[in-house]
Amino acid sequence: MFTPERVATRQIMPEWGPGNTIPVEIPCTLRRIEASMPIYEFSCAGCEARFEDLVPMGTKSIPCPACGSKRTTRLLSTPGAPMKLVKTPGAARQQEGRNAKLHKHTKARFKKAVGKIHEAKRRQSGGGQGPA
């Protein structure tokens, strides 16, 4: 559960006309996320709620946001799947070349196997030749 540390308003001056501006208040969320603050999953012993929070590394327990109980425990969460990286153009060309080569060899093996099947059928039916 992400909660902003504070919400501030920023005043901007958009152009309204030639030389005229009007002030506009725009809310913007300010959130301090540091690299050393992972998202941990917790379970509450009081209300049995499960929740996530962005807390400093090594935090064992925090108050439950649902009931306020301090009897919470940090759970072991499964890590997220790694993101697949986009290939560079050169790596993509290399992969396309490997795919084309694999396709060519697979097609040749298939044609050879089909040819053997047809040849076997011709032999069984008497060679496939007409009366002599």
C-alpha atoms as a PDB file:
ATOM      1  CA  MET A   1       0.000   0.000   0.000  1.00  0.00           C
ATOM      2  CA  PHE A   2       1.643   3.207  -1.146  1.00  0.00           C
ATOM      3  CA  THR A   3       0.764   6.369   0.663  1.00  0.00           C
ATOM      4  CA  PRO A   4       2.314   9.685  -0.290  1.00  0.00           C
ATOM      5  CA  GLU A   5       4.415  11.319   2.384  1.00  0.00           C
ATOM      6  CA  ARG A   6       2.791  14.628   1.629  1.00  0.00           C
ATOM      7  CA  VAL A   7       0.767  16.303  -1.036  1.00  0.00           C
ATOM      8  CA  ALA A   8       1.832  19.762  -2.084  1.00  0.00           C
ATOM      9  CA  THR A   9       0.450  22.230  -4.537  1.00  0.00           C
ATOM     10  CA  ARG A  10       2.586  23.873  -7.133  1.00  0.00           C
ATOM     11  CA  GLN A  11       1.605  27.144  -8.701  1.00  0.00           C
ATOM     12  CA  ILE A  12       2.195  27.470 -12.415  1.00  0.00           C
ATOM     13  CA  MET A  13       1.499  30.392 -14.676  1.00  0.00           C
ATOM     14  CA  PRO A  14       0.044  29.217 -18.002  1.00  0.00           C
ATOM     15  CA  GLU A  15      -0.226  31.761 -20.742  1.00  0.00           C
ATOM     16  CA  TRP A  16      -3.759  33.023 -21.036  1.00  0.00           C
ATOM     17  CA  GLY A  17      -3.304  35.646 -23.650  1.00  0.00           C
ATOM     18  CA  PRO A  18      -0.683  38.044 -24.941  1.00  0.00           C
ATOM     19  CA  GLY A  19       1.146  39.119 -21.801  1.00  0.00           C
ATOM     20  CA  ASN A  20      -1.598  37.809 -19.476  1.00  0.00           C
ATOM     21  CA  THR A  21      -1.192  34.857 -17.143  1.00  0.00           C
ATOM     22  CA  ILE A  22      -3.503  33.279 -14.585  1.00  0.00           C
ATOM     23  CA  PRO A  23      -2.208  31.291 -11.610  1.00  0.00           C
ATOM     24  CA  VAL A  24      -3.305  27.646 -11.434  1.00  0.00           C
ATOM     25  CA  GLU A  25      -2.888  25.379  -8.402  1.00  0.00           C
ATOM     26  CA  ILE A  26      -1.915  21.840  -9.380  1.00  0.00           C
ATOM     27  CA  PRO A  27      -1.613  19.140  -6.702  1.00  0.00           C
ATOM     28  CA  CYS A  28       1.519  17.068  -7.004  1.00  0.00           C
ATOM     29  CA  THR A  29       2.452  14.064  -4.915  1.00  0.00           C
ATOM     30  CA  LEU A  30       5.901  14.197  -3.361  1.00  0.00           C
ATOM     31  CA  ARG A  31       7.190  10.788  -2.413  1.00  0.00           C
ATOM     32  CA  ARG A  32      10.666   9.987  -1.102  1.00  0.00           C
ATOM     33  CA  ILE A  33      11.613   6.557  -2.292  1.00  0.00           C
ATOM     34  CA  GLU A  34      15.133   5.547  -1.480  1.00  0.00           C
ATOM     35  CA  ALA A  35      16.966   2.555  -2.893  1.00  0.00           C
ATOM     36  CA  SER A  36      17.404   1.127   0.612  1.00  0.00           C
ATOM     37  CA  MET A  37      13.659   1.016   1.306  1.00  0.00           C
ATOM     38  CA  PRO A  38      12.136  -2.211  -0.038  1.00  0.00           C
ATOM     39  CA  ILE A  39       8.457  -3.133  -0.045  1.00  0.00           C
ATOM     40  CA  TYR A  40       7.799  -5.712   2.681  1.00  0.00           C
ATOM     41  CA  GLU A  41       4.647  -7.762   3.194  1.00  0.00           C
ATOM     42  CA  PHE A  42       3.248  -8.010   6.722  1.00  0.00           C
ATOM     43  CA  SER A  43       0.544 -10.025   8.478  1.00  0.00           C
ATOM     44  CA  CYS A  44      -1.422  -8.791  11.514  1.00  0.00           C
ATOM     45  CA  ALA A  45      -2.023 -11.232  14.387  1.00  0.00           C
ATOM     46  CA  GLY A  46      -4.916  -9.092  15.677  1.00  0.00           C
ATOM     47  CA  CYS A  47      -7.174  -8.799  12.626  1.00  0.00           C
ATOM     48  CA  GLU A  48      -5.388 -11.284  10.288  1.00  0.00           C
ATOM     49  CA  ALA A  49      -4.985  -8.589   7.620  1.00  0.00           C
ATOM     50  CA  ARG A  50      -2.148  -8.766   5.095  1.00  0.00           C
ATOM     51  CA  PHE A  51      -0.581  -5.565   3.838  1.00  0.00           C
ATOM     52  CA  GLU A  52       2.528  -4.204   2.149  1.00  0.00           C
ATOM     53  CA  ASP A  53       4.523  -1.155   3.108  1.00  0.00           C
ATOM     54  CA  LEU A  54       7.648   0.668   2.025  1.00  0.00           C
ATOM     55  CA  VAL A  55       9.872   0.508   5.110  1.00  0.00           C
ATOM     56  CA  PRO A  56      13.622   0.642   5.868  1.00  0.00           C
ATOM     57  CA  MET A  57      15.617  -2.556   5.336  1.00  0.00           C
ATOM     58  CA  GLY A  58      15.506  -5.011   8.218  1.00  0.00           C
ATOM     59  CA  THR A  59      12.203  -3.807   9.669  1.00  0.00           C
ATOM     60  CA  LYS A  60      10.595  -6.755  11.493  1.00  0.00           C
ATOM     61  CA  SER A  61       7.244  -5.260  12.487  1.00  0.00           C
ATOM     62  CA  ILE A  62       5.112  -2.143  11.960  1.00  0.00           C
ATOM     63  CA  PRO A  63       1.658  -1.164  13.277  1.00  0.00           C
ATOM     64  CA  CYS A  64      -1.281  -2.589  11.314  1.00  0.00           C
ATOM     65  CA  PRO A  65      -2.992   0.101   9.220  1.00  0.00           C
ATOM     66  CA  ALA A  66      -6.383  -1.629   9.621  1.00  0.00           C
ATOM     67  CA  CYS A  67      -6.590  -2.142  13.409  1.00  0.00           C
ATOM     68  CA  GLY A  68      -3.480  -0.388  14.755  1.00  0.00           C
ATOM     69  CA  SER A  69      -2.155  -3.537  16.449  1.00  0.00           C
ATOM     70  CA  LYS A  70       1.607  -3.782  16.906  1.00  0.00           C
ATOM     71  CA  ARG A  71       1.501  -7.599  16.708  1.00  0.00           C
ATOM     72  CA  THR A  72       2.513  -7.847  13.064  1.00  0.00           C
ATOM     73  CA  THR A  73       5.100 -10.079  11.455  1.00  0.00           C
ATOM     74  CA  ARG A  74       6.996  -9.680   8.234  1.00  0.00           C
ATOM     75  CA  LEU A  75       6.200 -12.387   5.666  1.00  0.00           C
ATOM     76  CA  LEU A  76       8.501 -13.945   3.123  1.00  0.00           C
ATOM     77  CA  SER A  77       7.290 -12.913  -0.313  1.00  0.00           C
ATOM     78  CA  THR A  78       8.188 -14.507  -3.606  1.00  0.00           C
ATOM     79  CA  PRO A  79      10.399 -12.287  -5.752  1.00  0.00           C
ATOM     80  CA  GLY A  80       8.983 -10.854  -8.940  1.00  0.00           C
ATOM     81  CA  ALA A  81       9.861 -12.419 -12.257  1.00  0.00           C
ATOM     82  CA  PRO A  82      12.816 -10.754 -13.982  1.00  0.00           C
ATOM     83  CA  MET A  83      11.940  -8.374 -16.744  1.00  0.00           C
ATOM     84  CA  LYS A  84      12.801  -9.500 -20.245  1.00  0.00           C
ATOM     85  CA  LEU A  85      15.194  -7.085 -21.782  1.00  0.00           C
ATOM     86  CA  VAL A  86      14.691  -5.782 -25.277  1.00  0.00           C
ATOM     87  CA  LYS A  87      17.301  -7.050 -27.686  1.00  0.00           C
ATOM     88  CA  THR A  88      19.573  -4.702 -29.538  1.00  0.00           C
ATOM     89  CA  PRO A  89      19.100  -4.510 -33.321  1.00  0.00           C
ATOM     90  CA  GLY A  90      22.255  -6.564 -33.858  1.00  0.00           C
ATOM     91  CA  ALA A  91      21.131  -9.275 -31.436  1.00  0.00           C
ATOM     92  CA  ALA A  92      17.686  -9.319 -33.068  1.00  0.00           C
ATOM     93  CA  ARG A  93      19.277  -9.834 -36.514  1.00  0.00           C
ATOM     94  CA  GLN A  94      21.412 -12.669 -35.146  1.00  0.00           C
ATOM     95  CA  GLN A  95      18.321 -14.316 -33.633  1.00  0.00           C
ATOM     96  CA  GLU A  96      16.428 -13.942 -36.922  1.00  0.00           C
ATOM     97  CA  GLY A  97      19.336 -15.638 -38.717  1.00  0.00           C
ATOM     98  CA  ARG A  98      19.309 -18.528 -36.241  1.00  0.00           C
ATOM     99  CA  ASN A  99      15.524 -18.844 -36.599  1.00  0.00           C
ATOM    100  CA  ALA A 100      15.775 -18.901 -40.426  1.00  0.00           C
ATOM    101  CA  LYS A 101      18.483 -21.586 -40.299  1.00  0.00           C
ATOM    102  CA  LEU A 102      16.421 -23.681 -37.878  1.00  0.00           C
ATOM    103  CA  HIS A 103      13.336 -23.287 -40.106  1.00  0.00           C
ATOM    104  CA  LYS A 104      15.292 -24.361 -43.192  1.00  0.00           C
ATOM    105  CA  HIS A 105      16.672 -27.507 -41.503  1.00  0.00           C
ATOM    106  CA  THR A 106      13.294 -28.408 -39.988  1.00  0.00           C
ATOM    107  CA  LYS A 107      11.555 -28.049 -43.351  1.00  0.00           C
ATOM    108  CA  ALA A 108      14.207 -30.211 -45.055  1.00  0.00           C
ATOM    109  CA  ARG A 109      13.843 -32.954 -42.402  1.00  0.00           C
ATOM    110  CA  PHE A 110      10.051 -32.853 -42.786  1.00  0.00           C
ATOM    111  CA  LYS A 111      10.246 -33.164 -46.591  1.00  0.00           C
ATOM    112  CA  LYS A 112      12.688 -36.073 -46.268  1.00  0.00           C
ATOM    113  CA  ALA A 113      10.381 -37.862 -43.789  1.00  0.00           C
ATOM    114  CA  VAL A 114       7.315 -37.311 -46.010  1.00  0.00           C
ATOM    115  CA  GLY A 115       9.275 -38.566 -49.036  1.00  0.00           C
ATOM    116  CA  LYS A 116      10.155 -41.782 -47.173  1.00  0.00           C
ATOM    117  CA  ILE A 117       6.483 -42.314 -46.280  1.00  0.00           C
ATOM    118  CA  HIS A 118       5.383 -41.848 -49.908  1.00  0.00           C
ATOM    119  CA  GLU A 119       8.135 -44.180 -51.140  1.00  0.00           C
ATOM    120  CA  ALA A 120       7.054 -46.870 -48.685  1.00  0.00           C
ATOM    121  CA  LYS A 121       3.426 -46.555 -49.847  1.00  0.00           C
ATOM    122  CA  ARG A 122       4.493 -46.874 -53.498  1.00  0.00           C
ATOM    123  CA  ARG A 123       6.433 -50.052 -52.722  1.00  0.00           C
ATOM    124  CA  GLN A 124       3.457 -51.565 -50.902  1.00  0.00           C
ATOM    125  CA  SER A 125       1.078 -50.842 -53.774  1.00  0.00           C
ATOM    126  CA  GLY A 126       3.288 -52.514 -56.339  1.00  0.00           C
ATOM    127  CA  GLY A 127       5.659 -49.767 -57.342  1.00  0.00           C
ATOM    128  CA  GLY A 128       3.025 -47.375 -58.613  1.00  0.00           C
ATOM    129  CA  GLN A 129       3.651 -48.337 -62.252  1.00  0.00           C
ATOM    130  CA  GLY A 130       0.987 -49.278 -64.732  1.00  0.00           C
ATOM    131  CA  PRO A 131       0.674 -52.696 -66.513  1.00  0.00           C
ATOM    132  CA  ALA A 132       3.598 -53.606 -68.700  1.00  0.00           C
END
